[in-house]
Amino acid sequence: MTDLDPAADQRELLRQAAAAHTAAARDVETFLRRLPEVPDPADITEYATLLTREERTLADRQAAADAAGLQLPSMES
């Protein structure tokens, strides 16, 4: 069955992308709350992995917002 409202599909994709980005940001926060005073190489690797995921989900969220018609003007001057 085909959805007759493509805009609704785009909004749902945007909600899913926002939820994924929120989860990724929460994972970074959780990591930072348990980070020891002196990080070891495994901590640095984990942090890099978490940041990469967070950045990817942010880009996905921005792309979904654009597709849903939420393009924002540049905030750079």
Protein backbone atom coordinates (compact mmCIF):
# COMPACT_ATOMS: atom_id res chain seq x y z
CA MET A 1 0.00 0.00 0.00
CA THR A 2 1.34 3.43 -0.91
CA ASP A 3 1.16 6.32 1.52
CA LEU A 4 -0.81 9.15 -0.04
CA ASP A 5 0.92 11.84 2.02
CA PRO A 6 4.65 12.02 1.17
CA ALA A 7 5.03 15.01 3.52
CA ALA A 8 3.94 12.81 6.43
CA ASP A 9 6.61 10.29 5.43
CA GLN A 10 9.24 13.04 5.42
CA ARG A 11 8.16 14.24 8.86
CA GLU A 12 8.34 10.70 10.23
CA LEU A 13 11.82 10.28 8.79
CA LEU A 14 12.78 13.58 10.41
CA ARG A 15 11.42 12.44 13.78
CA GLN A 16 13.37 9.19 13.50
CA ALA A 17 16.55 11.05 12.56
CA ALA A 18 16.07 13.44 15.50
CA ALA A 19 15.58 10.51 17.88
CA ALA A 20 18.75 8.83 16.58
CA HIS A 21 20.71 12.06 17.04
CA THR A 22 19.34 12.51 20.57
CA ALA A 23 20.39 8.96 21.45
CA ALA A 24 23.87 9.52 20.04
CA ALA A 25 24.27 12.76 22.00
CA ARG A 26 23.09 10.97 25.16
CA ASP A 27 25.70 8.28 24.61
CA VAL A 28 28.40 10.96 24.44
CA GLU A 29 27.10 12.48 27.68
CA THR A 30 27.02 9.10 29.40
CA PHE A 31 30.58 8.42 28.32
CA LEU A 32 31.75 11.82 29.59
CA ARG A 33 30.10 11.25 32.98
CA ARG A 34 32.13 8.07 33.53
CA LEU A 35 35.35 9.30 31.92
CA PRO A 36 38.29 8.89 34.31
CA GLU A 37 40.46 11.87 35.21
CA VAL A 38 43.23 10.46 33.02
CA PRO A 39 41.78 8.88 29.87
CA ASP A 40 43.58 5.87 28.44
CA PRO A 41 43.88 5.02 24.73
CA ALA A 42 40.69 2.92 24.86
CA ASP A 43 38.77 5.92 26.23
CA ILE A 44 40.07 8.13 23.44
CA THR A 45 39.09 5.54 20.84
CA GLU A 46 35.62 5.17 22.33
CA TYR A 47 35.18 8.96 22.42
CA ALA A 48 36.19 9.24 18.76
CA THR A 49 33.70 6.52 17.84
CA LEU A 50 30.91 8.20 19.79
CA LEU A 51 31.64 11.61 18.26
CA THR A 52 31.69 10.15 14.77
CA ARG A 53 28.28 8.57 15.37
CA GLU A 54 26.90 11.81 16.83
CA GLU A 55 28.17 13.84 13.87
CA ARG A 56 26.74 11.33 11.39
CA THR A 57 23.33 11.37 13.05
CA LEU A 58 23.39 15.17 13.11
CA ALA A 59 24.06 15.22 9.37
CA ASP A 60 21.26 12.69 8.83
CA ARG A 61 18.89 14.83 10.89
CA GLN A 62 19.80 17.95 8.92
CA ALA A 63 19.27 16.14 5.62
CA ALA A 64 15.88 14.87 6.82
CA ALA A 65 14.91 18.40 7.89
CA ASP A 66 15.84 19.72 4.46
CA ALA A 67 13.79 16.97 2.81
CA ALA A 68 10.82 17.86 5.05
CA GLY A 69 11.04 21.51 3.94
CA LEU A 70 12.80 22.91 6.99
CA GLN A 71 15.68 24.57 5.19
CA LEU A 72 17.18 27.33 7.30
CA PRO A 73 19.08 30.30 5.98
CA SER A 74 22.77 30.27 6.72
CA MET A 75 23.56 31.54 10.18
CA GLU A 76 27.03 32.58 9.10
CA SER A 77 27.55 36.23 8.29
